[in-house]
Amino acid sequence: MDRNLNLLVKVVMKLILADQLTKQNMSIYELGKRVGLSYPTIFKIAKGQAVTVNLRVLGRICYELACSPNDILIPDEDDAE
């Protein structure tokens, strides 16, 4: 067995904000303002259309929504392969 074998593991997650936005009675627009993102950018994130999300942005979103990443990230089984 080759000990130098490198394995690549791809983890794909979906960002789900709708429930947390509802709990906080906050609009996508207001979240974008609080986090410091333009409306088109926060809209893509909120609707699951963003390809990547910076960890700093994820942290700011969680702070503003008073939640943890576990509350808004779920595995995307369809895109994991």
Protein backbone atom coordinates (compact mmCIF):
# COMPACT_ATOMS: atom_id res chain seq x y z
CA MET A 1 0.00 0.00 0.00
CA ASP A 2 1.39 3.39 -0.99
CA ARG A 3 1.75 5.62 2.09
CA ASN A 4 2.17 8.71 -0.11
CA LEU A 5 -1.33 8.41 -1.54
CA ASN A 6 -3.14 11.74 -1.29
CA LEU A 7 -6.89 11.71 -0.89
CA LEU A 8 -9.12 14.60 -1.84
CA VAL A 9 -12.37 14.86 0.04
CA LYS A 10 -14.97 17.24 -1.33
CA VAL A 11 -17.46 18.59 1.18
CA VAL A 12 -20.31 20.62 -0.25
CA MET A 13 -22.71 22.48 1.99
CA LYS A 14 -25.89 24.47 1.40
CA LEU A 15 -26.46 27.70 3.26
CA ILE A 16 -30.08 27.94 4.43
CA LEU A 17 -31.03 31.36 5.83
CA ALA A 18 -34.83 31.47 5.53
CA ASP A 19 -35.63 29.97 8.95
CA GLN A 20 -33.16 32.19 10.79
CA LEU A 21 -34.30 35.31 8.94
CA THR A 22 -37.87 34.53 9.96
CA LYS A 23 -36.88 33.93 13.60
CA GLN A 24 -35.11 37.29 13.71
CA ASN A 25 -37.89 39.02 11.75
CA MET A 26 -35.23 40.30 9.34
CA SER A 27 -35.23 40.80 5.58
CA ILE A 28 -32.45 39.73 3.23
CA TYR A 29 -31.83 43.42 2.54
CA GLU A 30 -31.42 44.24 6.25
CA LEU A 31 -29.06 41.29 6.77
CA GLY A 32 -26.96 42.48 3.84
CA LYS A 33 -26.70 45.97 5.32
CA ARG A 34 -25.72 44.62 8.74
CA VAL A 35 -23.14 42.23 7.29
CA GLY A 36 -21.76 44.79 4.84
CA LEU A 37 -22.67 43.03 1.60
CA SER A 38 -24.44 44.39 -1.45
CA TYR A 39 -28.02 43.28 -2.00
CA PRO A 40 -27.16 41.12 -5.06
CA THR A 41 -24.46 39.31 -3.09
CA ILE A 42 -26.55 38.62 0.03
CA PHE A 43 -29.49 37.64 -2.20
CA LYS A 44 -27.35 34.99 -3.94
CA ILE A 45 -26.17 33.68 -0.59
CA ALA A 46 -29.70 33.61 0.86
CA LYS A 47 -31.15 31.86 -2.18
CA GLY A 48 -28.40 29.24 -2.35
CA GLN A 49 -26.96 30.59 -5.61
CA ALA A 50 -23.54 31.57 -4.22
CA VAL A 51 -20.70 29.26 -5.22
CA THR A 52 -18.52 30.11 -2.22
CA VAL A 53 -18.94 32.00 1.02
CA ASN A 54 -15.96 33.43 2.88
CA LEU A 55 -15.68 32.19 6.48
CA ARG A 56 -15.51 35.77 7.74
CA VAL A 57 -18.83 36.51 5.98
CA LEU A 58 -20.31 33.31 7.40
CA GLY A 59 -19.26 34.43 10.87
CA ARG A 60 -20.84 37.87 10.41
CA ILE A 61 -24.07 36.29 9.14
CA CYS A 62 -24.19 34.01 12.19
CA TYR A 63 -23.51 36.94 14.52
CA GLU A 64 -26.33 39.04 13.04
CA LEU A 65 -28.76 36.12 13.04
CA ALA A 66 -27.73 35.03 16.56
CA CYS A 67 -27.10 31.49 15.39
CA SER A 68 -24.25 29.06 14.81
CA PRO A 69 -23.03 27.69 11.46
CA ASN A 70 -24.78 24.42 12.36
CA ASP A 71 -28.08 26.27 12.23
CA ILE A 72 -27.64 27.49 8.64
CA LEU A 73 -25.37 24.93 6.93
CA ILE A 74 -26.58 21.56 5.70
CA PRO A 75 -24.78 18.96 3.58
CA ASP A 76 -25.60 19.10 -0.12
CA GLU A 77 -25.77 15.42 -1.02
CA ASP A 78 -26.56 16.17 -4.68
CA ASP A 79 -23.32 18.09 -5.34
CA ALA A 80 -20.87 16.13 -3.13
CA GLU A 81 -19.54 13.89 -5.88
